[in-house]
Amino acid sequence: MEKFEIRRASNNQYYWVFVAANGEDICNSETYTAKQSAINSITLVKEKAKTAPIIDKS
């Protein structure tokens, strides 16, 4: 099952990682000083990604 994990960086700030069902890291966020900010970021990504277009700039 895919999941978001909240982790701590070496500077003690928080960040999240989206983990695939096979355990591989898919993407990660920037770092946040507050854990709640990381949680808010996850919520925003979950809401907005559903309708975000794919823009090919290759």
PDB file of N, CA and C in Angstrom:
ATOM      1  N   MET A   1       0.834  -1.180   0.000  1.00  0.00           N
ATOM      2  CA  MET A   1       0.000   0.000   0.000  1.00  0.00           C
ATOM      3  C   MET A   1       0.885   1.253   0.000  1.00  0.00           C
ATOM      4  N   GLU A   2       0.562   2.195  -0.839  1.00  0.00           N
ATOM      5  CA  GLU A   2       1.292   3.457  -0.890  1.00  0.00           C
ATOM      6  C   GLU A   2       1.010   4.266   0.371  1.00  0.00           C
ATOM      7  N   LYS A   3       1.985   5.098   0.730  1.00  0.00           N
ATOM      8  CA  LYS A   3       1.805   5.876   1.960  1.00  0.00           C
ATOM      9  C   LYS A   3       2.706   7.100   1.947  1.00  0.00           C
ATOM     10  N   PHE A   4       2.347   8.062   2.773  1.00  0.00           N
ATOM     11  CA  PHE A   4       3.196   9.208   3.061  1.00  0.00           C
ATOM     12  C   PHE A   4       3.863   8.943   4.407  1.00  0.00           C
ATOM     13  N   GLU A   5       5.170   9.132   4.469  1.00  0.00           N
ATOM     14  CA  GLU A   5       5.895   9.011   5.727  1.00  0.00           C
ATOM     15  C   GLU A   5       6.473  10.376   6.085  1.00  0.00           C
ATOM     16  N   ILE A   6       6.340  10.765   7.329  1.00  0.00           N
ATOM     17  CA  ILE A   6       6.981  11.984   7.811  1.00  0.00           C
ATOM     18  C   ILE A   6       8.296  11.560   8.456  1.00  0.00           C
ATOM     19  N   ARG A   7       9.366  12.205   7.995  1.00  0.00           N
ATOM     20  CA  ARG A   7      10.704  11.867   8.482  1.00  0.00           C
ATOM     21  C   ARG A   7      11.388  13.125   9.002  1.00  0.00           C
ATOM     22  N   ARG A   8      12.531  12.917   9.652  1.00  0.00           N
ATOM     23  CA  ARG A   8      13.340  14.034  10.146  1.00  0.00           C
ATOM     24  C   ARG A   8      14.665  14.049   9.409  1.00  0.00           C
ATOM     25  N   ALA A   9      15.040  15.229   8.963  1.00  0.00           N
ATOM     26  CA  ALA A   9      16.319  15.421   8.285  1.00  0.00           C
ATOM     27  C   ALA A   9      17.436  15.554   9.327  1.00  0.00           C
ATOM     28  N   SER A  10      18.667  15.549   8.852  1.00  0.00           N
ATOM     29  CA  SER A  10      19.811  15.658   9.764  1.00  0.00           C
ATOM     30  C   SER A  10      19.824  16.981  10.533  1.00  0.00           C
ATOM     31  N   ASN A  11      19.134  17.995  10.000  1.00  0.00           N
ATOM     32  CA  ASN A  11      19.046  19.292  10.692  1.00  0.00           C
ATOM     33  C   ASN A  11      17.826  19.370  11.617  1.00  0.00           C
ATOM     34  N   ASN A  12      17.181  18.222  11.857  1.00  0.00           N
ATOM     35  CA  ASN A  12      16.008  18.085  12.731  1.00  0.00           C
ATOM     36  C   ASN A  12      14.732  18.681  12.161  1.00  0.00           C
ATOM     37  N   GLN A  13      14.739  19.108  10.917  1.00  0.00           N
ATOM     38  CA  GLN A  13      13.509  19.573  10.295  1.00  0.00           C
ATOM     39  C   GLN A  13      12.734  18.371   9.760  1.00  0.00           C
ATOM     40  N   TYR A  14      11.457  18.592   9.502  1.00  0.00           N
ATOM     41  CA  TYR A  14      10.565  17.534   9.037  1.00  0.00           C
ATOM     42  C   TYR A  14      10.406  17.597   7.521  1.00  0.00           C
ATOM     43  N   TYR A  15      10.219  16.437   6.914  1.00  0.00           N
ATOM     44  CA  TYR A  15       9.871  16.351   5.500  1.00  0.00           C
ATOM     45  C   TYR A  15       9.061  15.083   5.308  1.00  0.00           C
ATOM     46  N   TRP A  16       8.374  15.006   4.181  1.00  0.00           N
ATOM     47  CA  TRP A  16       7.606  13.799   3.903  1.00  0.00           C
ATOM     48  C   TRP A  16       8.145  13.103   2.665  1.00  0.00           C
ATOM     49  N   VAL A  17       7.892  11.802   2.623  1.00  0.00           N
ATOM     50  CA  VAL A  17       8.263  10.969   1.480  1.00  0.00           C
ATOM     51  C   VAL A  17       7.027  10.180   1.086  1.00  0.00           C
ATOM     52  N   PHE A  18       6.735  10.143  -0.223  1.00  0.00           N
ATOM     53  CA  PHE A  18       5.667   9.282  -0.722  1.00  0.00           C
ATOM     54  C   PHE A  18       6.322   7.962  -1.088  1.00  0.00           C
ATOM     55  N   VAL A  19       5.850   6.879  -0.476  1.00  0.00           N
ATOM     56  CA  VAL A  19       6.463   5.566  -0.618  1.00  0.00           C
ATOM     57  C   VAL A  19       5.516   4.651  -1.390  1.00  0.00           C
ATOM     58  N   ALA A  20       6.054   3.979  -2.416  1.00  0.00           N
ATOM     59  CA  ALA A  20       5.273   3.051  -3.236  1.00  0.00           C
ATOM     60  C   ALA A  20       4.994   1.770  -2.459  1.00  0.00           C
ATOM     61  N   ALA A  21       4.081   0.974  -2.981  1.00  0.00           N
ATOM     62  CA  ALA A  21       3.707  -0.284  -2.339  1.00  0.00           C
ATOM     63  C   ALA A  21       4.908  -1.223  -2.191  1.00  0.00           C
ATOM     64  N   ASN A  22       5.880  -1.106  -3.097  1.00  0.00           N
ATOM     65  CA  ASN A  22       7.062  -1.974  -3.028  1.00  0.00           C
ATOM     66  C   ASN A  22       8.138  -1.428  -2.086  1.00  0.00           C
ATOM     67  N   GLY A  23       7.843  -0.321  -1.389  1.00  0.00           N
ATOM     68  CA  GLY A  23       8.764   0.249  -0.423  1.00  0.00           C
ATOM     69  C   GLY A  23       9.717   1.289  -0.983  1.00  0.00           C
ATOM     70  N   GLU A  24       9.640   1.530  -2.286  1.00  0.00           N
ATOM     71  CA  GLU A  24      10.519   2.511  -2.920  1.00  0.00           C
ATOM     72  C   GLU A  24      10.016   3.927  -2.691  1.00  0.00           C
ATOM     73  N   ASP A  25      10.942   4.846  -2.424  1.00  0.00           N
ATOM     74  CA  ASP A  25      10.587   6.259  -2.312  1.00  0.00           C
ATOM     75  C   ASP A  25      10.270   6.799  -3.700  1.00  0.00           C
ATOM     76  N   ILE A  26       9.114   7.441  -3.851  1.00  0.00           N
ATOM     77  CA  ILE A  26       8.694   8.007  -5.133  1.00  0.00           C
ATOM     78  C   ILE A  26       9.069   9.479  -5.221  1.00  0.00           C
ATOM     79  N   CYS A  27       8.732  10.247  -4.203  1.00  0.00           N
ATOM     80  CA  CYS A  27       9.077  11.668  -4.180  1.00  0.00           C
ATOM     81  C   CYS A  27       9.121  12.139  -2.735  1.00  0.00           C
ATOM     82  N   ASN A  28       9.722  13.307  -2.542  1.00  0.00           N
ATOM     83  CA  ASN A  28       9.804  13.866  -1.199  1.00  0.00           C
ATOM     84  C   ASN A  28       9.610  15.375  -1.250  1.00  0.00           C
ATOM     85  N   SER A  29       9.335  15.920  -0.090  1.00  0.00           N
ATOM     86  CA  SER A  29       9.051  17.352   0.031  1.00  0.00           C
ATOM     87  C   SER A  29      10.302  18.128   0.402  1.00  0.00           C
ATOM     88  N   GLU A  30      10.112  19.440   0.474  1.00  0.00           N
ATOM     89  CA  GLU A  30      11.126  20.289   1.086  1.00  0.00           C
ATOM     90  C   GLU A  30      11.078  20.051   2.589  1.00  0.00           C
ATOM     91  N   THR A  31      11.963  20.682   3.340  1.00  0.00           N
ATOM     92  CA  THR A  31      11.941  20.509   4.793  1.00  0.00           C
ATOM     93  C   THR A  31      11.136  21.630   5.452  1.00  0.00           C
ATOM     94  N   TYR A  32      10.591  21.300   6.617  1.00  0.00           N
ATOM     95  CA  TYR A  32       9.747  22.220   7.383  1.00  0.00           C
ATOM     96  C   TYR A  32      10.226  22.237   8.827  1.00  0.00           C
ATOM     97  N   THR A  33      10.161  23.397   9.462  1.00  0.00           N
ATOM     98  CA  THR A  33      10.569  23.493  10.865  1.00  0.00           C
ATOM     99  C   THR A  33       9.529  22.882  11.798  1.00  0.00           C
ATOM    100  N   ALA A  34       8.270  22.876  11.375  1.00  0.00           N
ATOM    101  CA  ALA A  34       7.192  22.323  12.204  1.00  0.00           C
ATOM    102  C   ALA A  34       6.595  21.081  11.546  1.00  0.00           C
ATOM    103  N   LYS A  35       6.341  20.061  12.350  1.00  0.00           N
ATOM    104  CA  LYS A  35       5.734  18.833  11.834  1.00  0.00           C
ATOM    105  C   LYS A  35       4.375  19.122  11.203  1.00  0.00           C
ATOM    106  N   GLN A  36       3.598  20.015  11.804  1.00  0.00           N
ATOM    107  CA  GLN A  36       2.272  20.342  11.272  1.00  0.00           C
ATOM    108  C   GLN A  36       2.372  20.915   9.865  1.00  0.00           C
ATOM    109  N   SER A  37       3.419  21.641   9.565  1.00  0.00           N
ATOM    110  CA  SER A  37       3.611  22.178   8.215  1.00  0.00           C
ATOM    111  C   SER A  37       3.821  21.050   7.207  1.00  0.00           C
ATOM    112  N   ALA A  38       4.539  20.021   7.600  1.00  0.00           N
ATOM    113  CA  ALA A  38       4.716  18.856   6.726  1.00  0.00           C
ATOM    114  C   ALA A  38       3.377  18.155   6.506  1.00  0.00           C
ATOM    115  N   ILE A  39       2.597  18.018   7.560  1.00  0.00           N
ATOM    116  CA  ILE A  39       1.272  17.398   7.448  1.00  0.00           C
ATOM    117  C   ILE A  39       0.372  18.234   6.544  1.00  0.00           C
ATOM    118  N   ASN A  40       0.402  19.550   6.708  1.00  0.00           N
ATOM    119  CA  ASN A  40      -0.400  20.432   5.855  1.00  0.00           C
ATOM    120  C   ASN A  40       0.000  20.292   4.392  1.00  0.00           C
ATOM    121  N   SER A  41       1.285  20.141   4.138  1.00  0.00           N
ATOM    122  CA  SER A  41       1.779  19.970   2.774  1.00  0.00           C
ATOM    123  C   SER A  41       1.263  18.668   2.164  1.00  0.00           C
ATOM    124  N   ILE A  42       1.256  17.600   2.936  1.00  0.00           N
ATOM    125  CA  ILE A  42       0.713  16.320   2.457  1.00  0.00           C
ATOM    126  C   ILE A  42      -0.754  16.489   2.084  1.00  0.00           C
ATOM    127  N   THR A  43      -1.515  17.143   2.941  1.00  0.00           N
ATOM    128  CA  THR A  43      -2.938  17.370   2.677  1.00  0.00           C
ATOM    129  C   THR A  43      -3.134  18.146   1.385  1.00  0.00           C
ATOM    130  N   LEU A  44      -2.345  19.179   1.186  1.00  0.00           N
ATOM    131  CA  LEU A  44      -2.436  19.988  -0.026  1.00  0.00           C
ATOM    132  C   LEU A  44      -2.116  19.165  -1.271  1.00  0.00           C
ATOM    133  N   VAL A  45      -1.061  18.378  -1.220  1.00  0.00           N
ATOM    134  CA  VAL A  45      -0.687  17.542  -2.368  1.00  0.00           C
ATOM    135  C   VAL A  45      -1.797  16.543  -2.680  1.00  0.00           C
ATOM    136  N   LYS A  46      -2.355  15.915  -1.658  1.00  0.00           N
ATOM    137  CA  LYS A  46      -3.427  14.942  -1.875  1.00  0.00           C
ATOM    138  C   LYS A  46      -4.648  15.585  -2.521  1.00  0.00           C
ATOM    139  N   GLU A  47      -4.964  16.812  -2.128  1.00  0.00           N
ATOM    140  CA  GLU A  47      -6.124  17.515  -2.693  1.00  0.00           C
ATOM    141  C   GLU A  47      -5.872  17.975  -4.123  1.00  0.00           C
ATOM    142  N   LYS A  48      -4.727  18.579  -4.375  1.00  0.00           N
ATOM    143  CA  LYS A  48      -4.457  19.227  -5.664  1.00  0.00           C
ATOM    144  C   LYS A  48      -3.985  18.265  -6.749  1.00  0.00           C
ATOM    145  N   ALA A  49      -3.333  17.172  -6.381  1.00  0.00           N
ATOM    146  CA  ALA A  49      -2.777  16.256  -7.385  1.00  0.00           C
ATOM    147  C   ALA A  49      -3.859  15.579  -8.218  1.00  0.00           C
ATOM    148  N   LYS A  50      -5.048  15.446  -7.662  1.00  0.00           N
ATOM    149  CA  LYS A  50      -6.140  14.779  -8.378  1.00  0.00           C
ATOM    150  C   LYS A  50      -6.484  15.462  -9.689  1.00  0.00           C
ATOM    151  N   THR A  51      -6.366  16.783  -9.724  1.00  0.00           N
ATOM    152  CA  THR A  51      -6.785  17.527 -10.914  1.00  0.00           C
ATOM    153  C   THR A  51      -5.634  18.259 -11.602  1.00  0.00           C
ATOM    154  N   ALA A  52      -4.417  18.065 -11.120  1.00  0.00           N
ATOM    155  CA  ALA A  52      -3.267  18.764 -11.708  1.00  0.00           C
ATOM    156  C   ALA A  52      -2.962  18.200 -13.097  1.00  0.00           C
ATOM    157  N   PRO A  53      -2.784  19.078 -14.093  1.00  0.00           N
ATOM    158  CA  PRO A  53      -2.460  18.598 -15.435  1.00  0.00           C
ATOM    159  C   PRO A  53      -1.004  18.128 -15.510  1.00  0.00           C
ATOM    160  N   ILE A  54      -0.719  17.288 -16.477  1.00  0.00           N
ATOM    161  CA  ILE A  54       0.655  16.884 -16.769  1.00  0.00           C
ATOM    162  C   ILE A  54       1.148  17.784 -17.889  1.00  0.00           C
ATOM    163  N   ILE A  55       2.217  18.515 -17.643  1.00  0.00           N
ATOM    164  CA  ILE A  55       2.795  19.423 -18.627  1.00  0.00           C
ATOM    165  C   ILE A  55       4.133  18.835 -19.070  1.00  0.00           C
ATOM    166  N   ASP A  56       4.235  18.466 -20.337  1.00  0.00           N
ATOM    167  CA  ASP A  56       5.468  17.874 -20.872  1.00  0.00           C
ATOM    168  C   ASP A  56       6.371  18.986 -21.382  1.00  0.00           C
ATOM    169  N   LYS A  57       7.477  19.217 -20.702  1.00  0.00           N
ATOM    170  CA  LYS A  57       8.433  20.252 -21.108  1.00  0.00           C
ATOM    171  C   LYS A  57       9.742  19.634 -21.594  1.00  0.00           C
ATOM    172  N   SER A  58       9.669  18.385 -22.041  1.00  0.00           N
ATOM    173  CA  SER A  58      10.894  17.715 -22.491  1.00  0.00           C
ATOM    174  C   SER A  58      11.317  18.153 -23.871  1.00  0.00           C
TER     175      SER A  58
END
